[in-house]
C-alpha atoms as a PDB file:
ATOM      1  CA  UNK A   1      27.329  -4.891  63.026  1.00  0.00           C
ATOM      2  CA  UNK A   2      27.737  -1.101  62.888  1.00  0.00           C
ATOM      3  CA  UNK A   3      25.429   0.525  60.365  1.00  0.00           C
ATOM      4  CA  UNK A   4      27.984   3.273  59.527  1.00  0.00           C
ATOM      5  CA  UNK A   5      30.816   2.649  57.004  1.00  0.00           C
ATOM      6  CA  UNK A   6      32.451   6.067  57.574  1.00  0.00           C
ATOM      7  CA  UNK A   7      32.558   8.096  60.889  1.00  0.00           C
ATOM      8  CA  UNK A   8      34.420  11.306  61.441  1.00  0.00           C
ATOM      9  CA  UNK A   9      34.423  12.561  65.047  1.00  0.00           C
ATOM     10  CA  UNK A  10      35.746  16.120  65.556  1.00  0.00           C
ATOM     11  CA  UNK A  11      38.458  15.551  62.976  1.00  0.00           C
ATOM     12  CA  UNK A  12      40.992  18.409  62.613  1.00  0.00           C
ATOM     13  CA  UNK A  13      44.223  18.511  60.602  1.00  0.00           C
ATOM     14  CA  UNK A  14      46.878  21.274  60.680  1.00  0.00           C
ATOM     15  CA  UNK A  15      49.829  21.898  58.477  1.00  0.00           C
ATOM     16  CA  UNK A  16      52.933  23.754  59.670  1.00  0.00           C
ATOM     17  CA  UNK A  17      54.252  25.990  56.883  1.00  0.00           C
ATOM     18  CA  UNK A  18      57.301  28.180  56.752  1.00  0.00           C
ATOM     19  CA  UNK A  19      56.443  31.880  56.930  1.00  0.00           C
ATOM     20  CA  UNK A  20      59.269  32.588  54.566  1.00  0.00           C
ATOM     21  CA  UNK A  21      57.980  30.592  51.609  1.00  0.00           C
ATOM     22  CA  UNK A  22      58.913  27.222  50.164  1.00  0.00           C
ATOM     23  CA  UNK A  23      62.370  25.719  50.883  1.00  0.00           C
ATOM     24  CA  UNK A  24      63.480  23.704  47.877  1.00  0.00           C
ATOM     25  CA  UNK A  25      66.694  22.111  49.177  1.00  0.00           C
ATOM     26  CA  UNK A  26      68.231  20.813  52.367  1.00  0.00           C
ATOM     27  CA  UNK A  27      71.071  23.264  51.950  1.00  0.00           C
ATOM     28  CA  UNK A  28      68.735  26.220  51.889  1.00  0.00           C
ATOM     29  CA  UNK A  29      66.974  24.856  54.995  1.00  0.00           C
ATOM     30  CA  UNK A  30      70.298  24.406  56.805  1.00  0.00           C
ATOM     31  CA  UNK A  31      71.403  27.942  55.999  1.00  0.00           C
ATOM     32  CA  UNK A  32      68.135  29.411  57.234  1.00  0.00           C
ATOM     33  CA  UNK A  33      68.247  27.282  60.312  1.00  0.00           C
ATOM     34  CA  UNK A  34      71.836  28.296  61.225  1.00  0.00           C
ATOM     35  CA  UNK A  35      71.556  32.019  60.390  1.00  0.00           C
ATOM     36  CA  UNK A  36      68.228  32.892  61.951  1.00  0.00           C
ATOM     37  CA  UNK A  37      65.295  31.409  63.812  1.00  0.00           C
ATOM     38  CA  UNK A  38      62.857  29.574  61.535  1.00  0.00           C
ATOM     39  CA  UNK A  39      59.301  30.919  61.727  1.00  0.00           C
ATOM     40  CA  UNK A  40      56.240  28.916  60.940  1.00  0.00           C
ATOM     41  CA  UNK A  41      52.576  29.484  60.629  1.00  0.00           C
ATOM     42  CA  UNK A  42      49.830  26.889  61.129  1.00  0.00           C
ATOM     43  CA  UNK A  43      47.164  26.240  58.485  1.00  0.00           C
ATOM     44  CA  UNK A  44      44.101  24.292  59.566  1.00  0.00           C
ATOM     45  CA  UNK A  45      42.811  22.259  56.566  1.00  0.00           C
ATOM     46  CA  UNK A  46      40.132  20.550  58.580  1.00  0.00           C
ATOM     47  CA  UNK A  47      38.500  22.001  61.742  1.00  0.00           C
ATOM     48  CA  UNK A  48      36.198  19.843  63.829  1.00  0.00           C
ATOM     49  CA  UNK A  49      34.685  17.828  61.045  1.00  0.00           C
ATOM     50  CA  UNK A  50      32.063  15.364  62.215  1.00  0.00           C
ATOM     51  CA  UNK A  51      29.658  13.253  60.134  1.00  0.00           C
ATOM     52  CA  UNK A  52      28.456   9.654  59.683  1.00  0.00           C
ATOM     53  CA  UNK A  53      27.733   7.750  56.421  1.00  0.00           C
ATOM     54  CA  UNK A  54      25.644   4.632  56.463  1.00  0.00           C
ATOM     55  CA  UNK A  55      26.808   1.565  54.606  1.00  0.00           C
ATOM     56  CA  UNK A  56      25.772   1.509  51.012  1.00  0.00           C
ATOM     57  CA  UNK A  57      25.074   5.231  50.689  1.00  0.00           C
ATOM     58  CA  UNK A  58      26.799   7.801  48.456  1.00  0.00           C
ATOM     59  CA  UNK A  59      28.087  11.120  49.722  1.00  0.00           C
ATOM     60  CA  UNK A  60      29.501  13.999  47.596  1.00  0.00           C
ATOM     61  CA  UNK A  61      31.729  16.658  49.100  1.00  0.00           C
ATOM     62  CA  UNK A  62      31.447  20.218  47.765  1.00  0.00           C
ATOM     63  CA  UNK A  63      33.177  23.460  48.637  1.00  0.00           C
ATOM     64  CA  UNK A  64      35.428  26.132  47.229  1.00  0.00           C
ATOM     65  CA  UNK A  65      39.109  25.509  46.396  1.00  0.00           C
ATOM     66  CA  UNK A  66      40.877  25.181  49.648  1.00  0.00           C
ATOM     67  CA  UNK A  67      37.842  24.139  51.568  1.00  0.00           C
ATOM     68  CA  UNK A  68      39.490  20.927  52.631  1.00  0.00           C
ATOM     69  CA  UNK A  69      37.681  18.462  50.356  1.00  0.00           C
ATOM     70  CA  UNK A  70      40.729  16.510  49.134  1.00  0.00           C
ATOM     71  CA  UNK A  71      42.277  16.597  52.619  1.00  0.00           C
ATOM     72  CA  UNK A  72      39.084  15.000  53.998  1.00  0.00           C
ATOM     73  CA  UNK A  73      39.413  12.215  51.364  1.00  0.00           C
ATOM     74  CA  UNK A  74      43.071  11.607  52.202  1.00  0.00           C
ATOM     75  CA  UNK A  75      42.260  11.309  55.899  1.00  0.00           C
ATOM     76  CA  UNK A  76      39.504   8.810  55.015  1.00  0.00           C
ATOM     77  CA  UNK A  77      42.070   6.903  52.937  1.00  0.00           C
ATOM     78  CA  UNK A  78      44.607   6.790  55.722  1.00  0.00           C
ATOM     79  CA  UNK A  79      47.125   8.862  53.771  1.00  0.00           C
ATOM     80  CA  UNK A  80      47.001  11.741  56.272  1.00  0.00           C
ATOM     81  CA  UNK A  81      46.551  11.316  60.055  1.00  0.00           C
ATOM     82  CA  UNK A  82      44.310  13.834  61.789  1.00  0.00           C
ATOM     83  CA  UNK A  83      45.858  16.227  64.324  1.00  0.00           C
ATOM     84  CA  UNK A  84      42.810  15.702  66.478  1.00  0.00           C
ATOM     85  CA  UNK A  85      39.736  13.493  66.463  1.00  0.00           C
ATOM     86  CA  UNK A  86      38.966  10.070  64.994  1.00  0.00           C
ATOM     87  CA  UNK A  87      38.243   8.946  61.439  1.00  0.00           C
ATOM     88  CA  UNK A  88      36.854   5.432  61.345  1.00  0.00           C
ATOM     89  CA  UNK A  89      36.484   3.409  58.159  1.00  0.00           C
ATOM     90  CA  UNK A  90      34.728   0.048  58.350  1.00  0.00           C
ATOM     91  CA  UNK A  91      35.503  -2.391  55.459  1.00  0.00           C
ATOM     92  CA  UNK A  92      37.989  -2.705  52.614  1.00  0.00           C
ATOM     93  CA  UNK A  93      38.699   0.411  50.621  1.00  0.00           C
ATOM     94  CA  UNK A  94      39.496   1.330  47.039  1.00  0.00           C
ATOM     95  CA  UNK A  95      40.892   4.797  47.054  1.00  0.00           C
ATOM     96  CA  UNK A  96      41.080   6.543  43.643  1.00  0.00           C
ATOM     97  CA  UNK A  97      43.108   9.582  44.487  1.00  0.00           C
ATOM     98  CA  UNK A  98      45.540  11.187  42.063  1.00  0.00           C
ATOM     99  CA  UNK A  99      45.261   8.608  39.305  1.00  0.00           C
ATOM    100  CA  UNK A 100      48.673   7.202  38.468  1.00  0.00           C
ATOM    101  CA  UNK A 101      50.163   7.723  41.970  1.00  0.00           C
ATOM    102  CA  UNK A 102      52.121   4.617  42.905  1.00  0.00           C
ATOM    103  CA  UNK A 103      53.156   3.597  39.347  1.00  0.00           C
ATOM    104  CA  UNK A 104      56.693   2.660  38.714  1.00  0.00           C
ATOM    105  CA  UNK A 105      57.321   4.103  35.219  1.00  0.00           C
ATOM    106  CA  UNK A 106      60.147   1.678  34.340  1.00  0.00           C
ATOM    107  CA  UNK A 107      57.869  -1.315  34.911  1.00  0.00           C
ATOM    108  CA  UNK A 108      55.420  -2.596  32.350  1.00  0.00           C
ATOM    109  CA  UNK A 109      51.641  -2.094  32.591  1.00  0.00           C
ATOM    110  CA  UNK A 110      51.317  -5.724  33.656  1.00  0.00           C
ATOM    111  CA  UNK A 111      53.898  -5.452  36.325  1.00  0.00           C
ATOM    112  CA  UNK A 112      52.293  -2.314  37.585  1.00  0.00           C
ATOM    113  CA  UNK A 113      48.969  -4.069  37.941  1.00  0.00           C
ATOM    114  CA  UNK A 114      50.533  -6.467  40.372  1.00  0.00           C
ATOM    115  CA  UNK A 115      52.440  -3.711  42.122  1.00  0.00           C
ATOM    116  CA  UNK A 116      49.365  -1.494  42.590  1.00  0.00           C
ATOM    117  CA  UNK A 117      47.384  -4.503  43.766  1.00  0.00           C
ATOM    118  CA  UNK A 118      49.940  -5.057  46.528  1.00  0.00           C
ATOM    119  CA  UNK A 119      49.591  -1.338  47.537  1.00  0.00           C
ATOM    120  CA  UNK A 120      45.812  -1.900  47.782  1.00  0.00           C
ATOM    121  CA  UNK A 121      46.377  -5.004  49.949  1.00  0.00           C
ATOM    122  CA  UNK A 122      45.450  -7.577  47.366  1.00  0.00           C
ATOM    123  CA  UNK A 123      47.397 -10.756  46.784  1.00  0.00           C
ATOM    124  CA  UNK A 124      49.445 -11.479  43.647  1.00  0.00           C
ATOM    125  CA  UNK A 125      47.152 -14.403  42.769  1.00  0.00           C
ATOM    126  CA  UNK A 126      44.094 -12.237  43.043  1.00  0.00           C
ATOM    127  CA  UNK A 127      45.513  -9.542  40.824  1.00  0.00           C
ATOM    128  CA  UNK A 128      46.783 -11.999  38.254  1.00  0.00           C
ATOM    129  CA  UNK A 129      43.302 -13.375  37.920  1.00  0.00           C
ATOM    130  CA  UNK A 130      41.985  -9.814  37.218  1.00  0.00           C
ATOM    131  CA  UNK A 131      44.659  -8.823  34.681  1.00  0.00           C
ATOM    132  CA  UNK A 132      42.563  -9.607  31.583  1.00  0.00           C
ATOM    133  CA  UNK A 133      39.587  -7.663  32.871  1.00  0.00           C
ATOM    134  CA  UNK A 134      41.805  -4.665  33.727  1.00  0.00           C
ATOM    135  CA  UNK A 135      43.522  -4.702  30.312  1.00  0.00           C
ATOM    136  CA  UNK A 136      40.158  -4.979  28.553  1.00  0.00           C
ATOM    137  CA  UNK A 137      38.682  -2.090  30.492  1.00  0.00           C
ATOM    138  CA  UNK A 138      41.704   0.121  30.045  1.00  0.00           C
ATOM    139  CA  UNK A 139      41.797  -0.766  26.313  1.00  0.00           C
ATOM    140  CA  UNK A 140      45.632  -1.118  26.370  1.00  0.00           C
ATOM    141  CA  UNK A 141      45.974  -4.350  24.247  1.00  0.00           C
ATOM    142  CA  UNK A 142      49.579  -5.061  23.340  1.00  0.00           C
ATOM    143  CA  UNK A 143      50.768  -1.998  25.226  1.00  0.00           C
ATOM    144  CA  UNK A 144      50.272  -3.773  28.476  1.00  0.00           C
ATOM    145  CA  UNK A 145      53.788  -5.298  28.269  1.00  0.00           C
ATOM    146  CA  UNK A 146      55.456  -1.983  27.491  1.00  0.00           C
ATOM    147  CA  UNK A 147      57.014   0.202  30.150  1.00  0.00           C
ATOM    148  CA  UNK A 148      54.622   2.809  31.651  1.00  0.00           C
ATOM    149  CA  UNK A 149      57.001   5.582  30.585  1.00  0.00           C
ATOM    150  CA  UNK A 150      56.054   4.920  26.966  1.00  0.00           C
ATOM    151  CA  UNK A 151      52.294   5.499  27.737  1.00  0.00           C
ATOM    152  CA  UNK A 152      50.371   8.628  26.972  1.00  0.00           C
ATOM    153  CA  UNK A 153      48.718  10.429  29.894  1.00  0.00           C
ATOM    154  CA  UNK A 154      45.353   9.042  28.760  1.00  0.00           C
ATOM    155  CA  UNK A 155      46.625   5.463  28.808  1.00  0.00           C
ATOM    156  CA  UNK A 156      48.043   5.908  32.352  1.00  0.00           C
ATOM    157  CA  UNK A 157      44.752   7.319  33.571  1.00  0.00           C
ATOM    158  CA  UNK A 158      42.772   4.445  31.986  1.00  0.00           C
ATOM    159  CA  UNK A 159      44.992   1.882  33.558  1.00  0.00           C
ATOM    160  CA  UNK A 160      44.930   3.529  36.989  1.00  0.00           C
ATOM    161  CA  UNK A 161      41.111   3.686  37.023  1.00  0.00           C
ATOM    162  CA  UNK A 162      40.812   0.157  35.748  1.00  0.00           C
ATOM    163  CA  UNK A 163      43.090  -1.235  38.517  1.00  0.00           C
ATOM    164  CA  UNK A 164      41.335   0.641  41.304  1.00  0.00           C
ATOM    165  CA  UNK A 165      37.795  -0.262  40.231  1.00  0.00           C
ATOM    166  CA  UNK A 166      38.358  -3.882  39.265  1.00  0.00           C
ATOM    167  CA  UNK A 167      39.180  -4.872  42.855  1.00  0.00           C
ATOM    168  CA  UNK A 168      36.382  -5.679  45.237  1.00  0.00           C
ATOM    169  CA  UNK A 169      35.772  -3.088  47.994  1.00  0.00           C
ATOM    170  CA  UNK A 170      33.273  -2.013  50.643  1.00  0.00           C
ATOM    171  CA  UNK A 171      34.135   1.662  50.395  1.00  0.00           C
ATOM    172  CA  UNK A 172      35.050   3.613  47.280  1.00  0.00           C
ATOM    173  CA  UNK A 173      36.948   6.944  47.649  1.00  0.00           C
ATOM    174  CA  UNK A 174      36.845   9.112  44.540  1.00  0.00           C
ATOM    175  CA  UNK A 175      38.727  12.355  43.938  1.00  0.00           C
ATOM    176  CA  UNK A 176      37.757  14.226  40.674  1.00  0.00           C
ATOM    177  CA  UNK A 177      37.858  11.022  38.649  1.00  0.00           C
ATOM    178  CA  UNK A 178      34.587  11.215  36.856  1.00  0.00           C
ATOM    179  CA  UNK A 179      36.097  13.682  34.270  1.00  0.00           C
ATOM    180  CA  UNK A 180      39.092  11.512  33.277  1.00  0.00           C
ATOM    181  CA  UNK A 181      39.755  10.560  29.711  1.00  0.00           C
ATOM    182  CA  UNK A 182      37.585  11.299  26.608  1.00  0.00           C
ATOM    183  CA  UNK A 183      33.797  11.382  26.665  1.00  0.00           C
ATOM    184  CA  UNK A 184      33.482   7.724  25.736  1.00  0.00           C
ATOM    185  CA  UNK A 185      35.776   6.629  28.547  1.00  0.00           C
ATOM    186  CA  UNK A 186      33.979   8.907  31.031  1.00  0.00           C
ATOM    187  CA  UNK A 187      30.762   7.003  30.141  1.00  0.00           C
ATOM    188  CA  UNK A 188      32.511   3.695  30.983  1.00  0.00           C
ATOM    189  CA  UNK A 189      33.683   5.188  34.306  1.00  0.00           C
ATOM    190  CA  UNK A 190      30.204   6.334  35.220  1.00  0.00           C
ATOM    191  CA  UNK A 191      28.818   2.927  34.332  1.00  0.00           C
ATOM    192  CA  UNK A 192      31.343   1.257  36.530  1.00  0.00           C
ATOM    193  CA  UNK A 193      30.572   3.566  39.428  1.00  0.00           C
ATOM    194  CA  UNK A 194      26.889   2.757  38.948  1.00  0.00           C
ATOM    195  CA  UNK A 195      27.772  -0.926  39.313  1.00  0.00           C
ATOM    196  CA  UNK A 196      29.395  -0.200  42.653  1.00  0.00           C
ATOM    197  CA  UNK A 197      26.205   1.532  43.787  1.00  0.00           C
ATOM    198  CA  UNK A 198      24.106  -1.398  42.753  1.00  0.00           C
ATOM    199  CA  UNK A 199      26.326  -3.742  44.812  1.00  0.00           C
ATOM    200  CA  UNK A 200      25.787  -1.574  47.898  1.00  0.00           C
ATOM    201  CA  UNK A 201      29.272  -0.135  48.037  1.00  0.00           C
ATOM    202  CA  UNK A 202      29.666   2.994  50.191  1.00  0.00           C
ATOM    203  CA  UNK A 203      30.889   5.910  47.995  1.00  0.00           C
ATOM    204  CA  UNK A 204      32.588   9.111  49.052  1.00  0.00           C
ATOM    205  CA  UNK A 205      33.071  11.429  46.138  1.00  0.00           C
ATOM    206  CA  UNK A 206      35.010  14.782  45.916  1.00  0.00           C
ATOM    207  CA  UNK A 207      34.376  16.851  42.866  1.00  0.00           C
ATOM    208  CA  UNK A 208      33.914  20.428  41.614  1.00  0.00           C
ATOM    209  CA  UNK A 209      31.363  19.101  39.087  1.00  0.00           C
ATOM    210  CA  UNK A 210      28.054  19.719  40.933  1.00  0.00           C
ATOM    211  CA  UNK A 211      26.054  18.084  38.241  1.00  0.00           C
ATOM    212  CA  UNK A 212      28.071  14.847  38.662  1.00  0.00           C
ATOM    213  CA  UNK A 213      27.485  14.923  42.434  1.00  0.00           C
ATOM    214  CA  UNK A 214      23.749  15.607  41.961  1.00  0.00           C
ATOM    215  CA  UNK A 215      23.410  12.596  39.675  1.00  0.00           C
ATOM    216  CA  UNK A 216      25.741  10.209  41.505  1.00  0.00           C
ATOM    217  CA  UNK A 217      25.160  11.073  45.209  1.00  0.00           C
ATOM    218  CA  UNK A 218      22.149  10.770  47.575  1.00  0.00           C
ATOM    219  CA  UNK A 219      23.791  13.023  50.097  1.00  0.00           C
ATOM    220  CA  UNK A 220      26.216  16.002  50.019  1.00  0.00           C
ATOM    221  CA  UNK A 221      28.583  17.483  52.608  1.00  0.00           C
ATOM    222  CA  UNK A 222      29.508  21.173  52.182  1.00  0.00           C
ATOM    223  CA  UNK A 223      32.909  22.229  53.511  1.00  0.00           C
ATOM    224  CA  UNK A 224      33.877  25.814  54.041  1.00  0.00           C
ATOM    225  CA  UNK A 225      37.494  26.569  55.179  1.00  0.00           C
ATOM    226  CA  UNK A 226      37.741  23.161  56.808  1.00  0.00           C
ATOM    227  CA  UNK A 227      34.375  23.303  58.640  1.00  0.00           C
ATOM    228  CA  UNK A 228      31.103  21.493  57.862  1.00  0.00           C
ATOM    229  CA  UNK A 229      28.721  24.126  56.583  1.00  0.00           C
ATOM    230  CA  UNK A 230      25.899  21.660  55.930  1.00  0.00           C
ATOM    231  CA  UNK A 231      24.979  18.058  55.166  1.00  0.00           C
ATOM    232  CA  UNK A 232      21.788  16.564  53.743  1.00  0.00           C
ATOM    233  CA  UNK A 233      20.153  15.554  50.496  1.00  0.00           C
ATOM    234  CA  UNK A 234      22.497  16.277  47.650  1.00  0.00           C
ATOM    235  CA  UNK A 235      20.238  18.507  45.538  1.00  0.00           C
ATOM    236  CA  UNK A 236      19.369  20.624  48.609  1.00  0.00           C
ATOM    237  CA  UNK A 237      23.003  21.133  49.668  1.00  0.00           C
ATOM    238  CA  UNK A 238      23.969  21.890  46.121  1.00  0.00           C
ATOM    239  CA  UNK A 239      21.316  24.599  45.893  1.00  0.00           C
ATOM    240  CA  UNK A 240      22.487  26.104  49.136  1.00  0.00           C
ATOM    241  CA  UNK A 241      26.073  26.053  47.952  1.00  0.00           C
ATOM    242  CA  UNK A 242      25.097  27.739  44.625  1.00  0.00           C
ATOM    243  CA  UNK A 243      23.223  30.444  46.446  1.00  0.00           C
ATOM    244  CA  UNK A 244      26.226  31.070  48.732  1.00  0.00           C
ATOM    245  CA  UNK A 245      28.567  31.242  45.733  1.00  0.00           C
ATOM    246  CA  UNK A 246      26.204  33.629  43.956  1.00  0.00           C
ATOM    247  CA  UNK A 247      26.347  35.909  46.991  1.00  0.00           C
ATOM    248  CA  UNK A 248      30.131  35.763  47.056  1.00  0.00           C
ATOM    249  CA  UNK A 249      30.498  36.311  43.237  1.00  0.00           C
ATOM    250  CA  UNK A 250      27.569  38.579  42.840  1.00  0.00           C
ATOM    251  CA  UNK A 251      26.000  36.327  40.118  1.00  0.00           C
ATOM    252  CA  UNK A 252      24.354  32.892  40.008  1.00  0.00           C
ATOM    253  CA  UNK A 253      26.917  30.151  39.316  1.00  0.00           C
ATOM    254  CA  UNK A 254      26.542  27.682  36.462  1.00  0.00           C
ATOM    255  CA  UNK A 255      26.360  23.949  37.071  1.00  0.00           C
ATOM    256  CA  UNK A 256      29.288  22.073  35.625  1.00  0.00           C
ATOM    257  CA  UNK A 257      32.913  21.410  35.894  1.00  0.00           C
ATOM    258  CA  UNK A 258      34.910  23.499  38.342  1.00  0.00           C
ATOM    259  CA  UNK A 259      32.445  26.349  38.830  1.00  0.00           C
ATOM    260  CA  UNK A 260      33.624  27.023  42.305  1.00  0.00           C
ATOM    261  CA  UNK A 261      35.188  30.365  43.265  1.00  0.00           C
ATOM    262  CA  UNK A 262      38.946  30.407  43.749  1.00  0.00           C
ATOM    263  CA  UNK A 263      39.917  31.831  47.125  1.00  0.00           C
ATOM    264  CA  UNK A 264      43.676  31.544  46.373  1.00  0.00           C
ATOM    265  CA  UNK A 265      44.267  28.522  48.576  1.00  0.00           C
ATOM    266  CA  UNK A 266      44.285  24.890  47.478  1.00  0.00           C
ATOM    267  CA  UNK A 267      43.830  21.952  49.874  1.00  0.00           C
END
């Protein structure tokens, strides 16, 4: 049995973007295509990323806005395919990326639990057996049989997190989810993540909250414009990253939510 749950080998991913800005309609695209040559530029979101994560360990990914953190997580989840290299994931996954994605807003909360379970590869019988636990964690009560479109944003977030973390998984992929909901619900989220850690689940976490990564993760990976700048013990990498940001900004950065510099690009 391979000791590594996650392996990235020279992974690169490029986007092809129009040099003339966003095209909002097919008509606009057709006119540009017919009247003049379309010009594109290539943006490399990941550039030769290689790392290995042993089963049962926790890795946090840090870096400035546009460094490629969320792109890396989407490659790991199989949402994006790399332009070059190989991303290998061993075991069942529970990706918690863009909470609420995949919901059908005309369906009820109960129906969406079954629907989301199918998207995660779980059987209808399995998800039906978990409904009570999901509803209890999300604190939705009688609202579970109302259409999602009638929910508040907080209710949708709670339901999405409950669905994704109630299923069994070998690998947990988290994108900025430790700051969802109010402070009380955040505490519940952190407790559930801790339960995954105790079970030996491999965790890959992307967050701007360096304090959360320092507390949650053993290891950290620092991305800089799509390249690996460093990987090692979380506290050491976080300190190196803080020092780098201090040099860029001219002052020492504070630990906390979204204290990364904004370089004007977002990946």
